[in-house]
Protein backbone atom coordinates (compact mmCIF):
# COMPACT_ATOMS: atom_id res chain seq x y z
CA MET A 1 -35.23 23.96 25.23
CA ILE A 2 -31.75 22.45 25.72
CA SER A 3 -30.48 25.67 27.31
CA PHE A 4 -33.43 25.59 29.72
CA ILE A 5 -32.60 22.01 30.73
CA LYS A 6 -28.94 22.92 31.22
CA THR A 7 -29.89 25.87 33.44
CA ALA A 8 -32.26 23.76 35.52
CA ALA A 9 -29.69 20.98 35.86
CA GLY A 10 -27.02 23.47 36.90
CA GLY A 11 -29.28 24.93 39.57
CA LEU A 12 -30.22 21.53 40.94
CA THR A 13 -26.58 20.49 41.00
CA GLY A 14 -25.70 23.55 43.05
CA ILE A 15 -28.50 22.82 45.53
CA CYS A 16 -27.42 19.18 45.90
CA ARG A 17 -23.75 20.18 46.35
CA ALA A 18 -24.72 22.72 49.02
CA HIS A 19 -26.70 20.10 51.01
CA GLY A 20 -24.22 17.25 50.49
CA HIS A 21 -26.54 15.14 48.28
CA LEU A 22 -24.21 14.92 45.23
CA GLN A 23 -24.37 11.12 45.02
CA GLY A 24 -28.15 10.83 45.18
CA PRO A 25 -30.62 9.76 42.45
CA LEU A 26 -30.92 13.35 41.21
CA HIS A 27 -27.18 13.40 40.37
CA ASN A 28 -27.51 10.17 38.36
CA GLN A 29 -30.34 11.68 36.33
CA ILE A 30 -28.23 14.78 35.64
CA LYS A 31 -25.37 12.62 34.40
CA VAL A 32 -27.71 10.88 31.95
CA LEU A 33 -28.83 14.23 30.58
CA ALA A 34 -25.24 15.40 30.14
CA ALA A 35 -24.22 12.18 28.37
CA GLY A 36 -26.85 12.67 25.70
CA LEU A 37 -25.21 15.84 24.41
CA LYS A 38 -22.50 14.66 21.99
CA THR A 39 -20.38 16.35 19.37
CA TYR A 40 -19.49 14.60 16.12
CA GLU A 41 -16.48 15.01 13.87
CA ILE A 42 -16.85 17.16 10.80
CA PRO A 43 -17.16 14.95 7.69
CA PRO A 44 -14.32 15.24 5.14
CA ASP A 45 -14.62 17.72 2.32
CA TYR A 46 -14.63 16.17 -1.17
CA SER A 47 -15.33 19.35 -3.10
CA ASP A 48 -11.93 19.20 -4.84
CA VAL A 49 -12.30 15.54 -5.93
CA VAL A 50 -13.01 15.12 -9.65
CA LEU A 51 -14.25 11.73 -10.85
CA PRO A 52 -12.99 10.64 -14.30
CA ASP A 53 -15.34 9.69 -17.13
CA LYS A 54 -14.31 6.03 -16.88
CA PRO A 55 -13.80 5.27 -13.18
CA LYS A 56 -13.29 1.51 -13.48
CA LEU A 57 -10.11 -0.42 -14.21
CA LYS A 58 -9.57 -1.04 -17.90
CA PHE A 59 -8.88 -4.40 -19.50
CA MET A 60 -5.21 -5.34 -19.94
CA ASN A 61 -4.02 -7.27 -23.00
CA LYS A 62 -2.69 -10.75 -22.37
CA VAL A 63 -0.04 -10.46 -25.10
CA PRO A 64 1.70 -7.21 -26.13
CA ASN A 65 1.06 -5.89 -29.62
CA LEU A 66 4.45 -6.51 -31.24
CA LYS A 67 5.38 -7.07 -34.88
CA LYS A 68 7.77 -9.84 -33.91
CA ALA A 69 8.03 -11.49 -30.50
CA LYS A 70 11.58 -11.65 -29.15
CA LYS A 71 12.90 -13.83 -26.36
CA GLU A 72 14.73 -12.32 -23.41
CA MET A 73 16.98 -13.46 -20.61
CA LYS A 74 15.68 -13.75 -17.05
CA LYS A 75 17.09 -10.39 -15.88
CA LEU A 76 16.27 -10.88 -12.22
CA ARG A 77 17.36 -7.31 -11.56
CA ASP A 78 13.89 -6.29 -12.79
CA ILE A 79 12.40 -7.43 -9.46
CA GLN A 80 15.35 -6.63 -7.16
CA GLY A 81 15.82 -3.46 -5.17
CA PRO A 82 13.48 -0.50 -4.69
CA ALA A 83 11.11 0.83 -7.32
CA THR A 84 12.22 4.00 -9.11
CA ALA A 85 8.87 4.72 -10.82
CA ALA A 86 5.25 4.83 -9.66
CA ASN A 87 6.28 4.90 -5.99
CA PHE A 88 4.19 8.00 -5.10
CA PHE A 89 0.50 8.87 -5.37
CA THR A 90 -0.87 10.89 -8.27
CA THR A 91 -4.66 11.42 -8.11
CA GLY A 92 -5.87 8.75 -5.69
CA GLN A 93 -5.84 8.53 -1.91
CA TYR A 94 -5.37 4.78 -1.34
CA ALA A 95 -3.37 2.08 -3.11
CA ILE A 96 -1.97 -1.43 -2.99
CA VAL A 97 1.78 -1.14 -2.45
CA ALA A 98 4.24 -3.97 -3.14
CA MET A 99 6.33 -4.93 -0.10
CA GLY A 100 8.59 -7.18 -2.16
CA GLY A 101 9.54 -8.03 -5.72
CA GLY A 102 7.80 -10.45 -8.05
CA TYR A 103 6.04 -11.05 -11.36
CA ILE A 104 2.38 -10.30 -12.06
CA HIS A 105 0.68 -12.61 -14.56
CA TRP A 106 -2.31 -11.78 -16.72
CA GLY A 107 -4.52 -13.84 -14.39
CA HIS A 108 -3.63 -11.52 -11.52
CA PHE A 109 -4.65 -8.52 -13.64
CA GLU A 110 -8.05 -10.08 -14.28
CA MET A 111 -8.48 -10.99 -10.62
CA MET A 112 -7.80 -7.40 -9.55
CA ARG A 113 -9.94 -5.88 -12.29
CA LEU A 114 -13.00 -8.07 -11.68
CA THR A 115 -12.83 -7.88 -7.87
CA ILE A 116 -12.43 -4.11 -7.67
CA ASN A 117 -14.86 -3.23 -10.48
CA ARG A 118 -17.62 -5.43 -9.07
CA LYS A 119 -17.36 -4.35 -5.44
CA MET A 120 -16.60 -0.64 -5.66
CA ASP A 121 -19.25 2.07 -6.18
CA SER A 122 -18.41 3.74 -9.49
CA ARG A 123 -20.59 6.75 -8.60
CA THR A 124 -18.25 7.82 -5.78
CA THR A 125 -15.02 5.85 -6.39
CA PHE A 126 -12.50 5.49 -9.21
CA ALA A 127 -9.50 3.23 -9.74
CA HIS A 128 -6.65 3.14 -12.24
CA TRP A 129 -3.56 1.04 -12.90
CA ARG A 130 -0.06 2.10 -11.87
CA ILE A 131 1.67 -0.80 -13.65
CA ASN A 132 1.96 -1.71 -17.31
CA ALA A 133 0.31 -4.61 -19.08
CA PRO A 134 2.36 -7.86 -19.31
CA TYR A 135 5.37 -7.23 -21.56
CA LYS A 136 8.23 -9.48 -20.37
CA PRO A 137 8.30 -12.86 -22.20
CA ILE A 138 8.70 -16.08 -20.21
CA THR A 139 9.84 -19.13 -22.18
CA ARG A 140 9.11 -22.77 -21.42
CA LYS A 141 9.88 -26.09 -23.02
CA GLY A 142 7.29 -28.77 -23.65
CA LEU A 143 6.78 -31.65 -21.24
CA GLY A 144 9.04 -34.63 -21.88
CA GLN A 145 11.67 -32.86 -23.98
CA ARG A 146 15.32 -33.70 -23.45
CA MET A 147 17.92 -31.18 -22.41
CA GLY A 148 19.49 -29.00 -25.07
CA GLY A 149 18.03 -27.87 -28.34
CA GLY A 150 18.16 -24.16 -27.56
CA LYS A 151 15.87 -21.83 -25.68
CA GLY A 152 12.20 -22.79 -25.47
CA ALA A 153 9.25 -21.00 -27.04
CA ILE A 154 7.47 -18.06 -25.41
CA ASP A 155 4.81 -19.38 -23.05
CA HIS A 156 3.33 -16.20 -21.51
CA TYR A 157 4.11 -12.61 -20.55
CA VAL A 158 4.48 -11.03 -17.11
CA THR A 159 5.00 -7.62 -15.51
CA PRO A 160 7.97 -7.29 -13.12
CA VAL A 161 7.34 -5.34 -9.89
CA ARG A 162 9.83 -4.02 -7.31
CA TYR A 163 9.49 -3.05 -3.66
CA GLY A 164 7.51 0.16 -3.09
CA ARG A 165 5.68 0.07 -6.43
CA LEU A 166 2.02 1.11 -6.44
CA ILE A 167 -0.11 -1.56 -8.14
CA VAL A 168 -3.62 -0.07 -8.15
CA GLU A 169 -4.57 3.42 -7.05
CA VAL A 170 -8.07 4.15 -5.70
CA GLY A 171 -9.65 7.51 -4.91
CA GLY A 172 -12.86 9.49 -4.93
CA LYS A 173 -15.40 10.53 -2.34
CA VAL A 174 -14.67 7.63 -0.01
CA GLU A 175 -12.75 6.91 3.17
CA LEU A 176 -10.23 4.15 3.76
CA GLY A 177 -12.66 2.01 5.72
CA GLU A 178 -15.00 1.74 2.72
CA VAL A 179 -12.41 0.29 0.32
CA GLU A 180 -9.88 -1.30 2.67
CA GLN A 181 -11.65 -4.68 2.73
CA ILE A 182 -11.75 -4.84 -1.08
CA LEU A 183 -8.10 -3.90 -1.51
CA THR A 184 -6.98 -6.27 1.27
CA GLU A 185 -8.76 -9.15 -0.43
CA VAL A 186 -6.86 -8.38 -3.64
CA ALA A 187 -3.50 -7.87 -1.91
CA LYS A 188 -3.63 -11.31 -0.28
CA LYS A 189 -3.86 -13.03 -3.68
CA LEU A 190 -0.81 -11.38 -5.24
CA PRO A 191 2.37 -13.49 -5.69
CA PHE A 192 4.43 -11.16 -3.46
CA PRO A 193 3.77 -9.42 -0.13
CA ALA A 194 1.57 -6.36 -0.59
CA LYS A 195 -0.12 -3.88 1.73
CA VAL A 196 -3.02 -1.44 1.54
CA MET A 197 -1.78 2.07 2.28
CA SER A 198 -3.10 5.62 2.17
CA LYS A 199 -1.20 8.70 1.11
CA GLU A 200 -0.51 9.62 4.73
CA SER A 201 0.67 6.14 5.74
CA LEU A 202 3.06 5.97 2.76
CA GLU A 203 4.57 9.32 3.71
CA ALA A 204 4.88 8.11 7.32
CA LEU A 205 6.73 4.99 6.11
CA HIS A 206 9.24 7.07 4.15
CA LYS A 207 9.65 9.44 7.10
CA LYS A 208 10.25 6.53 9.48
CA GLN A 209 13.01 5.17 7.26
CA ALA A 210 14.63 8.62 7.02
CA ASP A 211 14.43 9.07 10.82
CA MET A 212 16.06 5.67 11.37
CA GLU A 213 19.01 6.68 9.19
CA GLN A 214 19.32 10.14 10.74
CA ASN A 215 18.96 9.13 14.40
CA ASN A 216 20.93 5.89 14.24
CA GLN A 217 23.17 5.46 17.32
CA ASN A 218 25.12 2.45 16.04
CA PRO A 219 28.23 3.62 14.17
CA TRP A 220 28.83 0.17 12.60
CA THR A 221 26.31 0.33 9.80
CA PHE A 222 26.34 -1.91 6.74
CA LYS A 223 27.41 1.01 4.57
CA ARG A 224 30.45 1.83 6.73
CA ILE A 225 31.52 -1.81 7.06
CA ALA A 226 31.24 -2.41 3.31
CA GLN A 227 33.00 0.81 2.31
CA GLY A 228 35.83 0.15 4.80
CA ASN A 229 36.15 -3.47 3.62
CA MET A 230 36.27 -4.69 7.21
CA LEU A 231 37.37 -8.34 7.53
CA GLY A 232 37.60 -8.45 3.73
CA ILE A 233 33.81 -8.43 3.34
CA ARG A 234 34.03 -6.99 -0.17
CA LYS A 235 35.01 -10.46 -1.41
CA VAL A 236 31.53 -11.83 -0.77
CA LEU A 237 29.46 -8.71 -1.57
CA SER A 238 27.96 -7.99 -4.95
CA PRO A 239 27.62 -4.55 -6.58
CA PHE A 240 23.89 -4.84 -5.81
CA ASP A 241 24.65 -5.03 -2.06
CA LEU A 242 27.05 -2.08 -2.23
CA TYR A 243 24.53 0.06 -4.10
CA ASN A 244 21.56 -0.66 -1.79
CA HIS A 245 23.67 -0.84 1.43
CA GLY A 246 22.26 -4.24 2.38
CA ARG A 247 18.64 -3.11 2.59
CA PHE A 248 17.60 -5.78 0.07
CA THR A 249 18.35 -9.48 -0.27
CA GLY A 250 17.40 -10.16 -3.85
CA LYS A 251 13.70 -9.33 -4.17
CA PHE A 252 13.17 -9.29 -0.38
CA HIS A 253 13.33 -6.10 1.69
CA ASN A 254 15.03 -5.89 5.10
CA PRO A 255 12.99 -3.24 6.98
CA GLY A 256 15.27 -3.06 10.02
CA ARG A 257 18.49 -2.47 8.08
CA VAL A 258 19.86 1.09 8.16
């Protein structure tokens, strides 16, 4: 039937073009017929996606299971610089990626677990943690105590996170538009800047950084200035700055620095 309509429309178009009536009412009707024939994109293939037996996020302990709790120093280096672990995807397609350093409390774990487990469809989607349960002790003294008297007692535990670390990984037979709103809602409530990214966007981010370093036209980079000790800059630089070439200021990332 459609081929018959196309043939008839083609013949009428030729007649109208021969007599100079291309802009008449018949041409408008032909355009409407042509606009109704659309082609749609092929849906993605999820035949290779395997859903785990327990697709939801598991509960994280508030306190680690230790025989004896030990106090620790602050060790701010735990949240400074780039992440060296869990910075690439494993089985999922989308994730919440940390864009800066910070500490995750047990309340943040519960917020992420409850929000994602309640709003995602466990029949087609799965999620799993890419960070450990709280393990770093944070001490605090009671209200009204005077200075001195030694280090305070352990108040709670946290999980340190660096730039580029994947927090939660989501996958399954879903597209980014179906889970992006849920993950964005969670990312806004974290105590450090975070972003929802897919596997392709994370690879594009790494490629962009590599292209910036390779195609840089400015010869006076931070690395060259620091290594050459120009103007005696080594006096005010720390080993952290020399190792990361100025791309990080503490727990904050400088995206434009090469």
